[in-house]
Amino acid sequence: MLLPFRSEIRNSPTKQTIKIFLSDESLDDKIKNHLEHFTEIELIEINETVEQNHADENLTIFLQDSVDINRMKASIDSSLWWYFEKDMVDD
């Protein structure tokens, strides 16, 4: 079974980032809106992915400077699992 998303922590020279790869890219905007309630997030961008073995697009989440990236990834993952479970129940 294909998972609805995968998230990865990326180290960037300028900002801590988390990338979200969705199995259904048509949900990019909905997921972006869903995640914007996190005050620890500075910016969310929808970007094309150039790496191999990844979706064509990803959501790149830029965090505030003082945020614990591991804790934030766990919070985002939890929020996304809730979102997809709720979505499956609603269908």
PDB file of N, CA and C in Angstrom:
ATOM      1  N   MET A   1       0.841  -1.193   0.000  1.00  0.00           N
ATOM      2  CA  MET A   1       0.000   0.000   0.000  1.00  0.00           C
ATOM      3  C   MET A   1       0.880   1.249   0.000  1.00  0.00           C
ATOM      4  N   LEU A   2       0.540   2.176  -0.838  1.00  0.00           N
ATOM      5  CA  LEU A   2       1.291   3.418  -0.950  1.00  0.00           C
ATOM      6  C   LEU A   2       0.902   4.358   0.192  1.00  0.00           C
ATOM      7  N   LEU A   3       1.890   4.841   0.906  1.00  0.00           N
ATOM      8  CA  LEU A   3       1.617   5.789   1.988  1.00  0.00           C
ATOM      9  C   LEU A   3       1.184   7.128   1.397  1.00  0.00           C
ATOM     10  N   PRO A   4       0.320   7.877   2.103  1.00  0.00           N
ATOM     11  CA  PRO A   4      -0.158   9.145   1.551  1.00  0.00           C
ATOM     12  C   PRO A   4       0.922  10.234   1.506  1.00  0.00           C
ATOM     13  N   PHE A   5       1.960  10.088   2.349  1.00  0.00           N
ATOM     14  CA  PHE A   5       3.029  11.090   2.345  1.00  0.00           C
ATOM     15  C   PHE A   5       4.293  10.507   2.957  1.00  0.00           C
ATOM     16  N   ARG A   6       5.380  11.202   2.713  1.00  0.00           N
ATOM     17  CA  ARG A   6       6.662  10.902   3.352  1.00  0.00           C
ATOM     18  C   ARG A   6       7.307  12.234   3.694  1.00  0.00           C
ATOM     19  N   SER A   7       7.925  12.326   4.856  1.00  0.00           N
ATOM     20  CA  SER A   7       8.586  13.577   5.229  1.00  0.00           C
ATOM     21  C   SER A   7      10.055  13.305   5.531  1.00  0.00           C
ATOM     22  N   GLU A   8      10.876  14.294   5.232  1.00  0.00           N
ATOM     23  CA  GLU A   8      12.324  14.185   5.457  1.00  0.00           C
ATOM     24  C   GLU A   8      12.851  15.507   5.979  1.00  0.00           C
ATOM     25  N   ILE A   9      13.756  15.422   6.937  1.00  0.00           N
ATOM     26  CA  ILE A   9      14.458  16.615   7.415  1.00  0.00           C
ATOM     27  C   ILE A   9      15.607  16.880   6.458  1.00  0.00           C
ATOM     28  N   ARG A  10      15.743  18.134   6.074  1.00  0.00           N
ATOM     29  CA  ARG A  10      16.845  18.528   5.190  1.00  0.00           C
ATOM     30  C   ARG A  10      17.656  19.615   5.886  1.00  0.00           C
ATOM     31  N   ASN A  11      18.948  19.460   5.840  1.00  0.00           N
ATOM     32  CA  ASN A  11      19.816  20.490   6.386  1.00  0.00           C
ATOM     33  C   ASN A  11      20.160  21.459   5.270  1.00  0.00           C
ATOM     34  N   SER A  12      19.873  22.707   5.529  1.00  0.00           N
ATOM     35  CA  SER A  12      20.149  23.758   4.562  1.00  0.00           C
ATOM     36  C   SER A  12      21.105  24.738   5.227  1.00  0.00           C
ATOM     37  N   PRO A  13      21.968  25.385   4.464  1.00  0.00           N
ATOM     38  CA  PRO A  13      22.898  26.341   5.065  1.00  0.00           C
ATOM     39  C   PRO A  13      22.180  27.533   5.710  1.00  0.00           C
ATOM     40  N   THR A  14      20.992  27.852   5.241  1.00  0.00           N
ATOM     41  CA  THR A  14      20.320  29.050   5.736  1.00  0.00           C
ATOM     42  C   THR A  14      19.176  28.761   6.700  1.00  0.00           C
ATOM     43  N   LYS A  15      18.387  27.737   6.438  1.00  0.00           N
ATOM     44  CA  LYS A  15      17.191  27.463   7.239  1.00  0.00           C
ATOM     45  C   LYS A  15      17.005  25.977   7.447  1.00  0.00           C
ATOM     46  N   GLN A  16      16.437  25.633   8.608  1.00  0.00           N
ATOM     47  CA  GLN A  16      16.020  24.248   8.826  1.00  0.00           C
ATOM     48  C   GLN A  16      14.788  23.995   7.966  1.00  0.00           C
ATOM     49  N   THR A  17      14.790  22.890   7.223  1.00  0.00           N
ATOM     50  CA  THR A  17      13.636  22.597   6.377  1.00  0.00           C
ATOM     51  C   THR A  17      13.186  21.156   6.552  1.00  0.00           C
ATOM     52  N   ILE A  18      11.909  20.959   6.299  1.00  0.00           N
ATOM     53  CA  ILE A  18      11.312  19.633   6.235  1.00  0.00           C
ATOM     54  C   ILE A  18      10.634  19.548   4.874  1.00  0.00           C
ATOM     55  N   LYS A  19      10.889  18.467   4.170  1.00  0.00           N
ATOM     56  CA  LYS A  19      10.234  18.267   2.869  1.00  0.00           C
ATOM     57  C   LYS A  19       9.154  17.212   3.036  1.00  0.00           C
ATOM     58  N   ILE A  20       7.999  17.509   2.447  1.00  0.00           N
ATOM     59  CA  ILE A  20       6.876  16.579   2.448  1.00  0.00           C
ATOM     60  C   ILE A  20       6.635  16.142   1.003  1.00  0.00           C
ATOM     61  N   PHE A  21       6.682  14.840   0.774  1.00  0.00           N
ATOM     62  CA  PHE A  21       6.403  14.281  -0.543  1.00  0.00           C
ATOM     63  C   PHE A  21       5.051  13.592  -0.460  1.00  0.00           C
ATOM     64  N   LEU A  22       4.079  14.080  -1.224  1.00  0.00           N
ATOM     65  CA  LEU A  22       2.731  13.520  -1.209  1.00  0.00           C
ATOM     66  C   LEU A  22       2.566  12.513  -2.337  1.00  0.00           C
ATOM     67  N   SER A  23       1.882  11.415  -2.062  1.00  0.00           N
ATOM     68  CA  SER A  23       1.629  10.450  -3.131  1.00  0.00           C
ATOM     69  C   SER A  23       0.599  11.000  -4.112  1.00  0.00           C
ATOM     70  N   ASP A  24      -0.268  11.906  -3.646  1.00  0.00           N
ATOM     71  CA  ASP A  24      -1.254  12.553  -4.517  1.00  0.00           C
ATOM     72  C   ASP A  24      -0.942  14.049  -4.558  1.00  0.00           C
ATOM     73  N   GLU A  25      -0.238  14.469  -5.609  1.00  0.00           N
ATOM     74  CA  GLU A  25       0.202  15.863  -5.689  1.00  0.00           C
ATOM     75  C   GLU A  25      -0.941  16.850  -5.868  1.00  0.00           C
ATOM     76  N   SER A  26      -2.126  16.358  -6.214  1.00  0.00           N
ATOM     77  CA  SER A  26      -3.262  17.273  -6.333  1.00  0.00           C
ATOM     78  C   SER A  26      -3.653  17.844  -4.970  1.00  0.00           C
ATOM     79  N   LEU A  27      -3.130  17.259  -3.901  1.00  0.00           N
ATOM     80  CA  LEU A  27      -3.424  17.736  -2.548  1.00  0.00           C
ATOM     81  C   LEU A  27      -2.425  18.771  -2.043  1.00  0.00           C
ATOM     82  N   ASP A  28      -1.433  19.134  -2.850  1.00  0.00           N
ATOM     83  CA  ASP A  28      -0.391  20.063  -2.392  1.00  0.00           C
ATOM     84  C   ASP A  28      -0.966  21.312  -1.731  1.00  0.00           C
ATOM     85  N   ASP A  29      -1.892  21.984  -2.401  1.00  0.00           N
ATOM     86  CA  ASP A  29      -2.442  23.229  -1.845  1.00  0.00           C
ATOM     87  C   ASP A  29      -3.244  22.985  -0.575  1.00  0.00           C
ATOM     88  N   LYS A  30      -4.025  21.909  -0.547  1.00  0.00           N
ATOM     89  CA  LYS A  30      -4.814  21.595   0.656  1.00  0.00           C
ATOM     90  C   LYS A  30      -3.912  21.313   1.852  1.00  0.00           C
ATOM     91  N   ILE A  31      -2.850  20.546   1.618  1.00  0.00           N
ATOM     92  CA  ILE A  31      -1.931  20.216   2.706  1.00  0.00           C
ATOM     93  C   ILE A  31      -1.174  21.463   3.147  1.00  0.00           C
ATOM     94  N   LYS A  32      -0.784  22.287   2.201  1.00  0.00           N
ATOM     95  CA  LYS A  32      -0.114  23.551   2.545  1.00  0.00           C
ATOM     96  C   LYS A  32      -1.019  24.371   3.463  1.00  0.00           C
ATOM     97  N   ASN A  33      -2.275  24.512   3.099  1.00  0.00           N
ATOM     98  CA  ASN A  33      -3.220  25.256   3.938  1.00  0.00           C
ATOM     99  C   ASN A  33      -3.410  24.593   5.292  1.00  0.00           C
ATOM    100  N   HIS A  34      -3.453  23.281   5.318  1.00  0.00           N
ATOM    101  CA  HIS A  34      -3.627  22.530   6.561  1.00  0.00           C
ATOM    102  C   HIS A  34      -2.465  22.799   7.531  1.00  0.00           C
ATOM    103  N   LEU A  35      -1.259  22.904   7.002  1.00  0.00           N
ATOM    104  CA  LEU A  35      -0.075  23.066   7.859  1.00  0.00           C
ATOM    105  C   LEU A  35       0.189  24.510   8.285  1.00  0.00           C
ATOM    106  N   GLU A  36      -0.467  25.454   7.652  1.00  0.00           N
ATOM    107  CA  GLU A  36      -0.167  26.858   7.952  1.00  0.00           C
ATOM    108  C   GLU A  36      -0.609  27.292   9.350  1.00  0.00           C
ATOM    109  N   HIS A  37      -1.316  26.426  10.086  1.00  0.00           N
ATOM    110  CA  HIS A  37      -1.708  26.786  11.457  1.00  0.00           C
ATOM    111  C   HIS A  37      -0.544  26.665  12.445  1.00  0.00           C
ATOM    112  N   PHE A  38       0.547  26.023  12.056  1.00  0.00           N
ATOM    113  CA  PHE A  38       1.707  25.893  12.937  1.00  0.00           C
ATOM    114  C   PHE A  38       2.454  27.226  13.012  1.00  0.00           C
ATOM    115  N   THR A  39       2.529  27.802  14.199  1.00  0.00           N
ATOM    116  CA  THR A  39       3.229  29.080  14.351  1.00  0.00           C
ATOM    117  C   THR A  39       4.742  28.926  14.197  1.00  0.00           C
ATOM    118  N   GLU A  40       5.255  27.713  14.347  1.00  0.00           N
ATOM    119  CA  GLU A  40       6.704  27.474  14.216  1.00  0.00           C
ATOM    120  C   GLU A  40       7.169  27.495  12.767  1.00  0.00           C
ATOM    121  N   ILE A  41       6.212  27.442  11.836  1.00  0.00           N
ATOM    122  CA  ILE A  41       6.554  27.437  10.413  1.00  0.00           C
ATOM    123  C   ILE A  41       6.645  28.870   9.907  1.00  0.00           C
ATOM    124  N   GLU A  42       7.757  29.173   9.277  1.00  0.00           N
ATOM    125  CA  GLU A  42       7.955  30.508   8.714  1.00  0.00           C
ATOM    126  C   GLU A  42       7.356  30.613   7.316  1.00  0.00           C
ATOM    127  N   LEU A  43       7.528  29.550   6.504  1.00  0.00           N
ATOM    128  CA  LEU A  43       7.094  29.596   5.110  1.00  0.00           C
ATOM    129  C   LEU A  43       6.919  28.177   4.592  1.00  0.00           C
ATOM    130  N   ILE A  44       5.932  27.979   3.713  1.00  0.00           N
ATOM    131  CA  ILE A  44       5.752  26.703   3.024  1.00  0.00           C
ATOM    132  C   ILE A  44       5.730  26.988   1.533  1.00  0.00           C
ATOM    133  N   GLU A  45       6.577  26.282   0.792  1.00  0.00           N
ATOM    134  CA  GLU A  45       6.627  26.441  -0.659  1.00  0.00           C
ATOM    135  C   GLU A  45       6.320  25.107  -1.323  1.00  0.00           C
ATOM    136  N   ILE A  46       5.667  25.176  -2.477  1.00  0.00           N
ATOM    137  CA  ILE A  46       5.489  23.995  -3.319  1.00  0.00           C
ATOM    138  C   ILE A  46       6.568  24.063  -4.388  1.00  0.00           C
ATOM    139  N   ASN A  47       7.435  23.059  -4.400  1.00  0.00           N
ATOM    140  CA  ASN A  47       8.587  23.055  -5.305  1.00  0.00           C
ATOM    141  C   ASN A  47       8.605  21.801  -6.161  1.00  0.00           C
ATOM    142  N   GLU A  48       9.239  21.925  -7.328  1.00  0.00           N
ATOM    143  CA  GLU A  48       9.495  20.742  -8.142  1.00  0.00           C
ATOM    144  C   GLU A  48      10.653  19.982  -7.519  1.00  0.00           C
ATOM    145  N   THR A  49      10.579  18.669  -7.586  1.00  0.00           N
ATOM    146  CA  THR A  49      11.624  17.818  -7.040  1.00  0.00           C
ATOM    147  C   THR A  49      12.545  17.399  -8.169  1.00  0.00           C
ATOM    148  N   VAL A  50      13.842  17.517  -7.938  1.00  0.00           N
ATOM    149  CA  VAL A  50      14.802  17.133  -8.970  1.00  0.00           C
ATOM    150  C   VAL A  50      15.527  15.841  -8.617  1.00  0.00           C
ATOM    151  N   GLU A  51      15.359  15.358  -7.398  1.00  0.00           N
ATOM    152  CA  GLU A  51      16.035  14.126  -6.988  1.00  0.00           C
ATOM    153  C   GLU A  51      15.350  12.916  -7.609  1.00  0.00           C
ATOM    154  N   GLN A  52      16.095  11.838  -7.751  1.00  0.00           N
ATOM    155  CA  GLN A  52      15.528  10.592  -8.263  1.00  0.00           C
ATOM    156  C   GLN A  52      14.687   9.930  -7.183  1.00  0.00           C
ATOM    157  N   ASN A  53      13.786   9.066  -7.610  1.00  0.00           N
ATOM    158  CA  ASN A  53      12.968   8.247  -6.710  1.00  0.00           C
ATOM    159  C   ASN A  53      12.080   9.061  -5.784  1.00  0.00           C
ATOM    160  N   HIS A  54      11.682  10.226  -6.217  1.00  0.00           N
ATOM    161  CA  HIS A  54      10.786  11.058  -5.414  1.00  0.00           C
ATOM    162  C   HIS A  54       9.625  11.517  -6.284  1.00  0.00           C
ATOM    163  N   ALA A  55       8.606  12.028  -5.634  1.00  0.00           N
ATOM    164  CA  ALA A  55       7.479  12.613  -6.355  1.00  0.00           C
ATOM    165  C   ALA A  55       7.980  13.800  -7.180  1.00  0.00           C
ATOM    166  N   ASP A  56       7.170  14.229  -8.129  1.00  0.00           N
ATOM    167  CA  ASP A  56       7.564  15.352  -8.983  1.00  0.00           C
ATOM    168  C   ASP A  56       7.555  16.679  -8.234  1.00  0.00           C
ATOM    169  N   GLU A  57       6.750  16.756  -7.189  1.00  0.00           N
ATOM    170  CA  GLU A  57       6.656  17.985  -6.393  1.00  0.00           C
ATOM    171  C   GLU A  57       6.809  17.649  -4.917  1.00  0.00           C
ATOM    172  N   ASN A  58       7.153  18.673  -4.156  1.00  0.00           N
ATOM    173  CA  ASN A  58       7.203  18.508  -2.709  1.00  0.00           C
ATOM    174  C   ASN A  58       6.808  19.815  -2.049  1.00  0.00           C
ATOM    175  N   LEU A  59       6.425  19.703  -0.803  1.00  0.00           N
ATOM    176  CA  LEU A  59       6.208  20.889   0.025  1.00  0.00           C
ATOM    177  C   LEU A  59       7.476  21.081   0.834  1.00  0.00           C
ATOM    178  N   THR A  60       8.071  22.248   0.731  1.00  0.00           N
ATOM    179  CA  THR A  60       9.252  22.562   1.526  1.00  0.00           C
ATOM    180  C   THR A  60       8.809  23.491   2.644  1.00  0.00           C
ATOM    181  N   ILE A  61       9.039  23.046   3.867  1.00  0.00           N
ATOM    182  CA  ILE A  61       8.604  23.790   5.045  1.00  0.00           C
ATOM    183  C   ILE A  61       9.826  24.411   5.700  1.00  0.00           C
ATOM    184  N   PHE A  62       9.831  25.730   5.786  1.00  0.00           N
ATOM    185  CA  PHE A  62      10.919  26.465   6.425  1.00  0.00           C
ATOM    186  C   PHE A  62      10.477  26.815   7.839  1.00  0.00           C
ATOM    187  N   LEU A  63      11.311  26.445   8.818  1.00  0.00           N
ATOM    188  CA  LEU A  63      10.953  26.644  10.220  1.00  0.00           C
ATOM    189  C   LEU A  63      11.582  27.914  10.787  1.00  0.00           C
ATOM    190  N   GLN A  64      10.963  28.422  11.843  1.00  0.00           N
ATOM    191  CA  GLN A  64      11.550  29.539  12.589  1.00  0.00           C
ATOM    192  C   GLN A  64      12.911  29.088  13.137  1.00  0.00           C
ATOM    193  N   ASP A  65      13.798  30.024  13.394  1.00  0.00           N
ATOM    194  CA  ASP A  65      15.173  29.701  13.787  1.00  0.00           C
ATOM    195  C   ASP A  65      15.296  28.869  15.060  1.00  0.00           C
ATOM    196  N   SER A  66      14.488  29.142  16.075  1.00  0.00           N
ATOM    197  CA  SER A  66      14.678  28.501  17.377  1.00  0.00           C
ATOM    198  C   SER A  66      13.901  27.194  17.550  1.00  0.00           C
ATOM    199  N   VAL A  67      13.311  26.691  16.494  1.00  0.00           N
ATOM    200  CA  VAL A  67      12.439  25.512  16.582  1.00  0.00           C
ATOM    201  C   VAL A  67      13.255  24.215  16.584  1.00  0.00           C
ATOM    202  N   ASP A  68      12.849  23.258  17.416  1.00  0.00           N
ATOM    203  CA  ASP A  68      13.447  21.920  17.437  1.00  0.00           C
ATOM    204  C   ASP A  68      12.896  21.154  16.231  1.00  0.00           C
ATOM    205  N   ILE A  69      13.751  20.928  15.239  1.00  0.00           N
ATOM    206  CA  ILE A  69      13.291  20.356  13.967  1.00  0.00           C
ATOM    207  C   ILE A  69      12.761  18.935  14.135  1.00  0.00           C
ATOM    208  N   ASN A  70      13.351  18.149  15.023  1.00  0.00           N
ATOM    209  CA  ASN A  70      12.878  16.775  15.222  1.00  0.00           C
ATOM    210  C   ASN A  70      11.484  16.760  15.844  1.00  0.00           C
ATOM    211  N   ARG A  71      11.267  17.610  16.826  1.00  0.00           N
ATOM    212  CA  ARG A  71       9.948  17.691  17.453  1.00  0.00           C
ATOM    213  C   ARG A  71       8.912  18.222  16.449  1.00  0.00           C
ATOM    214  N   MET A  72       9.334  19.181  15.639  1.00  0.00           N
ATOM    215  CA  MET A  72       8.420  19.763  14.655  1.00  0.00           C
ATOM    216  C   MET A  72       8.056  18.746  13.577  1.00  0.00           C
ATOM    217  N   LYS A  73       9.018  17.945  13.130  1.00  0.00           N
ATOM    218  CA  LYS A  73       8.725  16.902  12.147  1.00  0.00           C
ATOM    219  C   LYS A  73       7.705  15.923  12.716  1.00  0.00           C
ATOM    220  N   ALA A  74       7.865  15.545  13.983  1.00  0.00           N
ATOM    221  CA  ALA A  74       6.912  14.628  14.619  1.00  0.00           C
ATOM    222  C   ALA A  74       5.520  15.256  14.689  1.00  0.00           C
ATOM    223  N   SER A  75       5.446  16.551  14.993  1.00  0.00           N
ATOM    224  CA  SER A  75       4.148  17.241  15.048  1.00  0.00           C
ATOM    225  C   SER A  75       3.497  17.316  13.673  1.00  0.00           C
ATOM    226  N   ILE A  76       4.293  17.618  12.659  1.00  0.00           N
ATOM    227  CA  ILE A  76       3.769  17.700  11.291  1.00  0.00           C
ATOM    228  C   ILE A  76       3.293  16.321  10.833  1.00  0.00           C
ATOM    229  N   ASP A  77       4.113  15.288  11.081  1.00  0.00           N
ATOM    230  CA  ASP A  77       3.721  13.928  10.697  1.00  0.00           C
ATOM    231  C   ASP A  77       2.409  13.535  11.370  1.00  0.00           C
ATOM    232  N   SER A  78       2.292  13.819  12.646  1.00  0.00           N
ATOM    233  CA  SER A  78       1.078  13.490  13.391  1.00  0.00           C
ATOM    234  C   SER A  78      -0.127  14.218  12.815  1.00  0.00           C
ATOM    235  N   SER A  79       0.046  15.486  12.504  1.00  0.00           N
ATOM    236  CA  SER A  79      -1.036  16.282  11.931  1.00  0.00           C
ATOM    237  C   SER A  79      -1.444  15.744  10.562  1.00  0.00           C
ATOM    238  N   LEU A  80      -0.473  15.333   9.764  1.00  0.00           N
ATOM    239  CA  LEU A  80      -0.780  14.793   8.434  1.00  0.00           C
ATOM    240  C   LEU A  80      -1.468  13.437   8.534  1.00  0.00           C
ATOM    241  N   TRP A  81      -1.028  12.576   9.473  1.00  0.00           N
ATOM    242  CA  TRP A  81      -1.719  11.289   9.644  1.00  0.00           C
ATOM    243  C   TRP A  81      -3.167  11.528  10.041  1.00  0.00           C
ATOM    244  N   TRP A  82      -3.389  12.475  10.948  1.00  0.00           N
ATOM    245  CA  TRP A  82      -4.754  12.818  11.352  1.00  0.00           C
ATOM    246  C   TRP A  82      -5.549  13.286  10.133  1.00  0.00           C
ATOM    247  N   TYR A  83      -4.960  14.153   9.326  1.00  0.00           N
ATOM    248  CA  TYR A  83      -5.627  14.692   8.139  1.00  0.00           C
ATOM    249  C   TYR A  83      -6.048  13.566   7.194  1.00  0.00           C
ATOM    250  N   PHE A  84      -5.124  12.641   6.906  1.00  0.00           N
ATOM    251  CA  PHE A  84      -5.433  11.577   5.953  1.00  0.00           C
ATOM    252  C   PHE A  84      -6.407  10.550   6.533  1.00  0.00           C
ATOM    253  N   GLU A  85      -6.307  10.257   7.824  1.00  0.00           N
ATOM    254  CA  GLU A  85      -7.267   9.338   8.439  1.00  0.00           C
ATOM    255  C   GLU A  85      -8.669   9.941   8.423  1.00  0.00           C
ATOM    256  N   LYS A  86      -8.778  11.225   8.731  1.00  0.00           N
ATOM    257  CA  LYS A  86     -10.070  11.912   8.721  1.00  0.00           C
ATOM    258  C   LYS A  86     -10.640  11.917   7.305  1.00  0.00           C
ATOM    259  N   ASP A  87      -9.768  12.164   6.325  1.00  0.00           N
ATOM    260  CA  ASP A  87     -10.183  12.210   4.932  1.00  0.00           C
ATOM    261  C   ASP A  87     -10.717  10.845   4.471  1.00  0.00           C
ATOM    262  N   MET A  88     -10.072   9.774   4.900  1.00  0.00           N
ATOM    263  CA  MET A  88     -10.507   8.440   4.500  1.00  0.00           C
ATOM    264  C   MET A  88     -11.857   8.084   5.127  1.00  0.00           C
ATOM    265  N   VAL A  89     -12.082   8.527   6.351  1.00  0.00           N
ATOM    266  CA  VAL A  89     -13.343   8.276   7.043  1.00  0.00           C
ATOM    267  C   VAL A  89     -14.464   9.076   6.383  1.00  0.00           C
ATOM    268  N   ASP A  90     -14.157  10.278   5.926  1.00  0.00           N
ATOM    269  CA  ASP A  90     -15.174  11.145   5.317  1.00  0.00           C
ATOM    270  C   ASP A  90     -15.642  10.641   3.956  1.00  0.00           C
ATOM    271  N   ASP A  91     -14.831   9.848   3.278  1.00  0.00           N
ATOM    272  CA  ASP A  91     -15.196   9.395   1.923  1.00  0.00           C
ATOM    273  C   ASP A  91     -16.364   8.432   1.927  1.00  0.00           C
TER     274      ASP A  91
END
